[in-house]
Amino acid sequence: KNQSGDQGTRALVHNLCGGSFTDAAHSRYT
């Protein structure tokens, strides 16, 4: 509904199949 607690949904998605939210240099979103 909003961004509250969004760290949980991000971590779930990124861990499941080995993805990431940004590049290693923190310059863009992946």
PDB file of all heavy atoms in Angstrom:
ATOM      1  N   LYS A   1       0.830  -1.210   0.000  1.00  0.00           N
ATOM      2  CA  LYS A   1       0.000   0.000   0.000  1.00  0.00           C
ATOM      3  C   LYS A   1       0.860   1.254   0.000  1.00  0.00           C
ATOM      4  O   LYS A   1       0.500   2.284  -0.571  1.00  0.00           O
ATOM      5  CB  LYS A   1      -0.928   0.005   1.214  1.00  0.00           C
ATOM      6  CG  LYS A   1      -1.871   1.202   1.246  1.00  0.00           C
ATOM      7  CD  LYS A   1      -2.841   1.144   2.419  1.00  0.00           C
ATOM      8  CE  LYS A   1      -3.781   2.331   2.413  1.00  0.00           C
ATOM      9  NZ  LYS A   1      -4.744   2.291   3.547  1.00  0.00           N
ATOM     10  N   ASN A   2       2.017   1.166   0.679  1.00  0.00           N
ATOM     11  CA  ASN A   2       2.958   2.282   0.710  1.00  0.00           C
ATOM     12  C   ASN A   2       4.357   1.724   0.941  1.00  0.00           C
ATOM     13  O   ASN A   2       4.559   0.508   0.880  1.00  0.00           O
ATOM     14  CB  ASN A   2       2.570   3.304   1.796  1.00  0.00           C
ATOM     15  CG  ASN A   2       2.411   2.666   3.164  1.00  0.00           C
ATOM     16  OD1 ASN A   2       3.095   1.716   3.517  1.00  0.00           O
ATOM     17  ND2 ASN A   2       1.491   3.202   3.962  1.00  0.00           N
ATOM     18  N   GLN A   3       5.317   2.596   1.205  1.00  0.00           N
ATOM     19  CA  GLN A   3       6.699   2.142   1.305  1.00  0.00           C
ATOM     20  C   GLN A   3       7.070   1.630   2.696  1.00  0.00           C
ATOM     21  O   GLN A   3       8.187   1.134   2.887  1.00  0.00           O
ATOM     22  CB  GLN A   3       7.655   3.260   0.922  1.00  0.00           C
ATOM     23  CG  GLN A   3       7.678   4.440   1.876  1.00  0.00           C
ATOM     24  CD  GLN A   3       8.537   5.573   1.348  1.00  0.00           C
ATOM     25  OE1 GLN A   3       8.682   5.750   0.154  1.00  0.00           O
ATOM     26  NE2 GLN A   3       9.115   6.343   2.250  1.00  0.00           N
ATOM     27  N   SER A   4       6.170   1.693   3.639  1.00  0.00           N
ATOM     28  CA  SER A   4       6.474   1.208   4.985  1.00  0.00           C
ATOM     29  C   SER A   4       6.838  -0.272   4.953  1.00  0.00           C
ATOM     30  O   SER A   4       6.105  -1.098   4.424  1.00  0.00           O
ATOM     31  CB  SER A   4       5.264   1.427   5.899  1.00  0.00           C
ATOM     32  OG  SER A   4       5.495   0.892   7.176  1.00  0.00           O
ATOM     33  N   GLY A   5       7.990  -0.610   5.518  1.00  0.00           N
ATOM     34  CA  GLY A   5       8.411  -2.003   5.588  1.00  0.00           C
ATOM     35  C   GLY A   5       8.900  -2.572   4.280  1.00  0.00           C
ATOM     36  O   GLY A   5       9.035  -3.796   4.136  1.00  0.00           O
ATOM     37  N   ASP A   6       9.200  -1.694   3.299  1.00  0.00           N
ATOM     38  CA  ASP A   6       9.575  -2.191   1.976  1.00  0.00           C
ATOM     39  C   ASP A   6      10.883  -2.966   1.966  1.00  0.00           C
ATOM     40  O   ASP A   6      11.162  -3.710   1.022  1.00  0.00           O
ATOM     41  CB  ASP A   6       9.636  -1.042   0.968  1.00  0.00           C
ATOM     42  CG  ASP A   6      10.554   0.093   1.410  1.00  0.00           C
ATOM     43  OD1 ASP A   6      11.042   0.079   2.545  1.00  0.00           O
ATOM     44  OD2 ASP A   6      10.764   1.019   0.604  1.00  0.00           O
ATOM     45  N   GLN A   7      11.686  -2.835   3.028  1.00  0.00           N
ATOM     46  CA  GLN A   7      12.913  -3.623   3.081  1.00  0.00           C
ATOM     47  C   GLN A   7      12.618  -5.118   3.066  1.00  0.00           C
ATOM     48  O   GLN A   7      13.414  -5.919   2.570  1.00  0.00           O
ATOM     49  CB  GLN A   7      13.746  -3.258   4.322  1.00  0.00           C
ATOM     50  CG  GLN A   7      13.218  -3.778   5.648  1.00  0.00           C
ATOM     51  CD  GLN A   7      12.100  -2.939   6.230  1.00  0.00           C
ATOM     52  OE1 GLN A   7      11.828  -1.847   5.734  1.00  0.00           O
ATOM     53  NE2 GLN A   7      11.463  -3.409   7.287  1.00  0.00           N
ATOM     54  N   GLY A   8      11.462  -5.519   3.588  1.00  0.00           N
ATOM     55  CA  GLY A   8      11.107  -6.935   3.626  1.00  0.00           C
ATOM     56  C   GLY A   8      10.789  -7.491   2.255  1.00  0.00           C
ATOM     57  O   GLY A   8      11.278  -8.568   1.874  1.00  0.00           O
ATOM     58  N   THR A   9       9.987  -6.766   1.478  1.00  0.00           N
ATOM     59  CA  THR A   9       9.640  -7.264   0.145  1.00  0.00           C
ATOM     60  C   THR A   9      10.841  -7.227  -0.788  1.00  0.00           C
ATOM     61  O   THR A   9      11.010  -8.110  -1.637  1.00  0.00           O
ATOM     62  CB  THR A   9       8.476  -6.456  -0.454  1.00  0.00           C
ATOM     63  OG1 THR A   9       8.794  -5.048  -0.421  1.00  0.00           O
ATOM     64  CG2 THR A   9       7.201  -6.688   0.344  1.00  0.00           C
ATOM     65  N   ARG A  10      11.705  -6.214  -0.637  1.00  0.00           N
ATOM     66  CA  ARG A  10      12.912  -6.170  -1.471  1.00  0.00           C
ATOM     67  C   ARG A  10      13.824  -7.359  -1.170  1.00  0.00           C
ATOM     68  O   ARG A  10      14.303  -8.038  -2.080  1.00  0.00           O
ATOM     69  CB  ARG A  10      13.676  -4.858  -1.245  1.00  0.00           C
ATOM     70  CG  ARG A  10      13.008  -3.623  -1.801  1.00  0.00           C
ATOM     71  CD  ARG A  10      14.000  -2.455  -1.877  1.00  0.00           C
ATOM     72  NE  ARG A  10      14.672  -2.236  -0.608  1.00  0.00           N
ATOM     73  CZ  ARG A  10      14.254  -1.394   0.321  1.00  0.00           C
ATOM     74  NH1 ARG A  10      13.134  -0.705   0.143  1.00  0.00           N
ATOM     75  NH2 ARG A  10      14.935  -1.222   1.431  1.00  0.00           N
ATOM     76  N   ALA A  11      14.068  -7.608   0.110  1.00  0.00           N
ATOM     77  CA  ALA A  11      14.969  -8.699   0.487  1.00  0.00           C
ATOM     78  C   ALA A  11      14.415 -10.051   0.058  1.00  0.00           C
ATOM     79  O   ALA A  11      15.162 -10.945  -0.353  1.00  0.00           O
ATOM     80  CB  ALA A  11      15.213  -8.682   1.994  1.00  0.00           C
ATOM     81  N   LEU A  12      13.105 -10.220   0.150  1.00  0.00           N
ATOM     82  CA  LEU A  12      12.487 -11.469  -0.284  1.00  0.00           C
ATOM     83  C   LEU A  12      12.759 -11.696  -1.770  1.00  0.00           C
ATOM     84  O   LEU A  12      13.221 -12.772  -2.175  1.00  0.00           O
ATOM     85  CB  LEU A  12      10.987 -11.427  -0.022  1.00  0.00           C
ATOM     86  CG  LEU A  12      10.177 -12.614  -0.552  1.00  0.00           C
ATOM     87  CD1 LEU A  12      10.584 -13.901   0.158  1.00  0.00           C
ATOM     88  CD2 LEU A  12       8.679 -12.358  -0.399  1.00  0.00           C
ATOM     89  N   VAL A  13      12.495 -10.689  -2.585  1.00  0.00           N
ATOM     90  CA  VAL A  13      12.666 -10.824  -4.031  1.00  0.00           C
ATOM     91  C   VAL A  13      14.127 -11.059  -4.395  1.00  0.00           C
ATOM     92  O   VAL A  13      14.457 -11.944  -5.187  1.00  0.00           O
ATOM     93  CB  VAL A  13      12.119  -9.572  -4.752  1.00  0.00           C
ATOM     94  CG1 VAL A  13      12.507  -9.577  -6.230  1.00  0.00           C
ATOM     95  CG2 VAL A  13      10.610  -9.490  -4.595  1.00  0.00           C
ATOM     96  N   HIS A  14      15.038 -10.295  -3.810  1.00  0.00           N
ATOM     97  CA  HIS A  14      16.441 -10.384  -4.210  1.00  0.00           C
ATOM     98  C   HIS A  14      17.108 -11.680  -3.767  1.00  0.00           C
ATOM     99  O   HIS A  14      17.996 -12.197  -4.466  1.00  0.00           O
ATOM    100  CB  HIS A  14      17.222  -9.195  -3.660  1.00  0.00           C
ATOM    101  CG  HIS A  14      16.638  -7.882  -4.061  1.00  0.00           C
ATOM    102  ND1 HIS A  14      16.669  -6.764  -3.265  1.00  0.00           N
ATOM    103  CD2 HIS A  14      15.974  -7.513  -5.183  1.00  0.00           C
ATOM    104  CE1 HIS A  14      16.054  -5.770  -3.883  1.00  0.00           C
ATOM    105  NE2 HIS A  14      15.621  -6.203  -5.036  1.00  0.00           N
ATOM    106  N   ASN A  15      16.687 -12.209  -2.644  1.00  0.00           N
ATOM    107  CA  ASN A  15      17.298 -13.445  -2.168  1.00  0.00           C
ATOM    108  C   ASN A  15      16.805 -14.682  -2.909  1.00  0.00           C
ATOM    109  O   ASN A  15      17.560 -15.634  -3.104  1.00  0.00           O
ATOM    110  CB  ASN A  15      17.059 -13.608  -0.665  1.00  0.00           C
ATOM    111  CG  ASN A  15      18.053 -12.851   0.182  1.00  0.00           C
ATOM    112  OD1 ASN A  15      19.155 -13.319   0.446  1.00  0.00           O
ATOM    113  ND2 ASN A  15      17.685 -11.654   0.604  1.00  0.00           N
ATOM    114  N   LEU A  16      15.560 -14.684  -3.318  1.00  0.00           N
ATOM    115  CA  LEU A  16      14.966 -15.890  -3.893  1.00  0.00           C
ATOM    116  C   LEU A  16      15.752 -16.443  -5.076  1.00  0.00           C
ATOM    117  O   LEU A  16      15.967 -17.658  -5.169  1.00  0.00           O
ATOM    118  CB  LEU A  16      13.521 -15.616  -4.319  1.00  0.00           C
ATOM    119  CG  LEU A  16      12.459 -15.669  -3.220  1.00  0.00           C
ATOM    120  CD1 LEU A  16      11.116 -15.193  -3.767  1.00  0.00           C
ATOM    121  CD2 LEU A  16      12.327 -17.079  -2.642  1.00  0.00           C
ATOM    122  N   CYS A  17      16.171 -15.561  -5.981  1.00  0.00           N
ATOM    123  CA  CYS A  17      16.848 -16.032  -7.198  1.00  0.00           C
ATOM    124  C   CYS A  17      18.202 -15.367  -7.441  1.00  0.00           C
ATOM    125  O   CYS A  17      18.752 -15.443  -8.539  1.00  0.00           O
ATOM    126  CB  CYS A  17      15.945 -15.811  -8.414  1.00  0.00           C
ATOM    127  SG  CYS A  17      14.381 -16.724  -8.333  1.00  0.00           S
ATOM    128  N   GLY A  18      18.738 -14.704  -6.418  1.00  0.00           N
ATOM    129  CA  GLY A  18      20.083 -14.136  -6.532  1.00  0.00           C
ATOM    130  C   GLY A  18      20.160 -12.794  -7.215  1.00  0.00           C
ATOM    131  O   GLY A  18      21.200 -12.444  -7.791  1.00  0.00           O
ATOM    132  N   GLY A  19      19.090 -11.999  -7.170  1.00  0.00           N
ATOM    133  CA  GLY A  19      19.108 -10.687  -7.801  1.00  0.00           C
ATOM    134  C   GLY A  19      19.705  -9.621  -6.899  1.00  0.00           C
ATOM    135  O   GLY A  19      20.261  -9.907  -5.832  1.00  0.00           O
ATOM    136  N   SER A  20      19.601  -8.370  -7.330  1.00  0.00           N
ATOM    137  CA  SER A  20      20.082  -7.242  -6.534  1.00  0.00           C
ATOM    138  C   SER A  20      19.221  -6.024  -6.854  1.00  0.00           C
ATOM    139  O   SER A  20      18.546  -5.985  -7.882  1.00  0.00           O
ATOM    140  CB  SER A  20      21.550  -6.935  -6.836  1.00  0.00           C
ATOM    141  OG  SER A  20      21.700  -6.522  -8.186  1.00  0.00           O
ATOM    142  N   PHE A  21      19.255  -5.045  -5.998  1.00  0.00           N
ATOM    143  CA  PHE A  21      18.449  -3.843  -6.192  1.00  0.00           C
ATOM    144  C   PHE A  21      19.226  -2.759  -6.924  1.00  0.00           C
ATOM    145  O   PHE A  21      18.657  -1.962  -7.670  1.00  0.00           O
ATOM    146  CB  PHE A  21      17.955  -3.322  -4.846  1.00  0.00           C
ATOM    147  CG  PHE A  21      16.790  -2.385  -4.946  1.00  0.00           C
ATOM    148  CD1 PHE A  21      15.537  -2.860  -5.301  1.00  0.00           C
ATOM    149  CD2 PHE A  21      16.925  -1.033  -4.690  1.00  0.00           C
ATOM    150  CE1 PHE A  21      14.445  -2.006  -5.407  1.00  0.00           C
ATOM    151  CE2 PHE A  21      15.846  -0.164  -4.780  1.00  0.00           C
ATOM    152  CZ  PHE A  21      14.601  -0.653  -5.143  1.00  0.00           C
ATOM    153  N   THR A  22      20.548  -2.705  -6.682  1.00  0.00           N
ATOM    154  CA  THR A  22      21.400  -1.733  -7.369  1.00  0.00           C
ATOM    155  C   THR A  22      22.684  -2.420  -7.813  1.00  0.00           C
ATOM    156  O   THR A  22      22.954  -3.565  -7.447  1.00  0.00           O
ATOM    157  CB  THR A  22      21.774  -0.550  -6.453  1.00  0.00           C
ATOM    158  OG1 THR A  22      22.743  -0.982  -5.471  1.00  0.00           O
ATOM    159  CG2 THR A  22      20.561   0.009  -5.742  1.00  0.00           C
ATOM    160  N   ASP A  23      23.485  -1.693  -8.594  1.00  0.00           N
ATOM    161  CA  ASP A  23      24.804  -2.223  -8.916  1.00  0.00           C
ATOM    162  C   ASP A  23      25.724  -2.035  -7.713  1.00  0.00           C
ATOM    163  O   ASP A  23      25.369  -1.361  -6.740  1.00  0.00           O
ATOM    164  CB  ASP A  23      25.366  -1.549 -10.168  1.00  0.00           C
ATOM    165  CG  ASP A  23      25.541  -0.039 -10.017  1.00  0.00           C
ATOM    166  OD1 ASP A  23      25.227   0.506  -8.923  1.00  0.00           O
ATOM    167  OD2 ASP A  23      25.983   0.603 -10.970  1.00  0.00           O
ATOM    168  N   ALA A  24      26.899  -2.639  -7.782  1.00  0.00           N
ATOM    169  CA  ALA A  24      27.828  -2.603  -6.644  1.00  0.00           C
ATOM    170  C   ALA A  24      28.299  -1.188  -6.319  1.00  0.00           C
ATOM    171  O   ALA A  24      28.617  -0.883  -5.165  1.00  0.00           O
ATOM    172  CB  ALA A  24      29.029  -3.501  -6.929  1.00  0.00           C
ATOM    173  N   ALA A  25      28.342  -0.334  -7.327  1.00  0.00           N
ATOM    174  CA  ALA A  25      28.817   1.037  -7.120  1.00  0.00           C
ATOM    175  C   ALA A  25      27.726   1.968  -6.619  1.00  0.00           C
ATOM    176  O   ALA A  25      27.976   3.148  -6.372  1.00  0.00           O
ATOM    177  CB  ALA A  25      29.386   1.581  -8.431  1.00  0.00           C
ATOM    178  N   HIS A  26      26.498   1.448  -6.457  1.00  0.00           N
ATOM    179  CA  HIS A  26      25.358   2.260  -6.014  1.00  0.00           C
ATOM    180  C   HIS A  26      25.120   3.439  -6.952  1.00  0.00           C
ATOM    181  O   HIS A  26      24.817   4.551  -6.506  1.00  0.00           O
ATOM    182  CB  HIS A  26      25.575   2.773  -4.584  1.00  0.00           C
ATOM    183  CG  HIS A  26      25.802   1.687  -3.589  1.00  0.00           C
ATOM    184  ND1 HIS A  26      26.581   1.856  -2.469  1.00  0.00           N
ATOM    185  CD2 HIS A  26      25.393   0.394  -3.560  1.00  0.00           C
ATOM    186  CE1 HIS A  26      26.624   0.735  -1.784  1.00  0.00           C
ATOM    187  NE2 HIS A  26      25.907  -0.168  -2.424  1.00  0.00           N
ATOM    188  N   SER A  27      25.244   3.179  -8.250  1.00  0.00           N
ATOM    189  CA  SER A  27      25.054   4.245  -9.225  1.00  0.00           C
ATOM    190  C   SER A  27      23.743   4.116  -9.998  1.00  0.00           C
ATOM    191  O   SER A  27      23.264   5.095 -10.567  1.00  0.00           O
ATOM    192  CB  SER A  27      26.219   4.264 -10.223  1.00  0.00           C
ATOM    193  OG  SER A  27      26.260   3.049 -10.968  1.00  0.00           O
ATOM    194  N   ARG A  28      23.151   2.913 -10.062  1.00  0.00           N
ATOM    195  CA  ARG A  28      21.905   2.721 -10.782  1.00  0.00           C
ATOM    196  C   ARG A  28      21.153   1.527 -10.195  1.00  0.00           C
ATOM    197  O   ARG A  28      21.714   0.711  -9.454  1.00  0.00           O
ATOM    198  CB  ARG A  28      22.152   2.516 -12.277  1.00  0.00           C
ATOM    199  CG  ARG A  28      22.893   1.245 -12.627  1.00  0.00           C
ATOM    200  CD  ARG A  28      23.215   1.193 -14.120  1.00  0.00           C
ATOM    201  NE  ARG A  28      22.048   1.421 -14.941  1.00  0.00           N
ATOM    202  CZ  ARG A  28      21.179   0.461 -15.298  1.00  0.00           C
ATOM    203  NH1 ARG A  28      21.360  -0.787 -14.879  1.00  0.00           N
ATOM    204  NH2 ARG A  28      20.136   0.735 -16.057  1.00  0.00           N
ATOM    205  N   TYR A  29      19.870   1.431 -10.547  1.00  0.00           N
ATOM    206  CA  TYR A  29      19.001   0.381 -10.021  1.00  0.00           C
ATOM    207  C   TYR A  29      18.915  -0.774 -11.014  1.00  0.00           C
ATOM    208  O   TYR A  29      18.790  -0.562 -12.218  1.00  0.00           O
ATOM    209  CB  TYR A  29      17.622   0.959  -9.701  1.00  0.00           C
ATOM    210  CG  TYR A  29      17.704   2.005  -8.611  1.00  0.00           C
ATOM    211  CD1 TYR A  29      17.904   3.351  -8.917  1.00  0.00           C
ATOM    212  CD2 TYR A  29      17.645   1.640  -7.268  1.00  0.00           C
ATOM    213  CE1 TYR A  29      18.028   4.306  -7.918  1.00  0.00           C
ATOM    214  CE2 TYR A  29      17.770   2.587  -6.264  1.00  0.00           C
ATOM    215  CZ  TYR A  29      17.965   3.918  -6.599  1.00  0.00           C
ATOM    216  OH  TYR A  29      18.108   4.851  -5.601  1.00  0.00           O
ATOM    217  N   THR A  30      19.015  -2.003 -10.495  1.00  0.00           N
ATOM    218  CA  THR A  30      19.143  -3.188 -11.345  1.00  0.00           C
ATOM    219  C   THR A  30      18.007  -4.182 -11.125  1.00  0.00           C
ATOM    220  O   THR A  30      18.208  -5.390 -11.203  1.00  0.00           O
ATOM    221  CB  THR A  30      20.488  -3.878 -11.068  1.00  0.00           C
ATOM    222  OG1 THR A  30      20.580  -4.197  -9.662  1.00  0.00           O
ATOM    223  CG2 THR A  30      21.656  -2.993 -11.448  1.00  0.00           C
TER     224      THR A  30
END
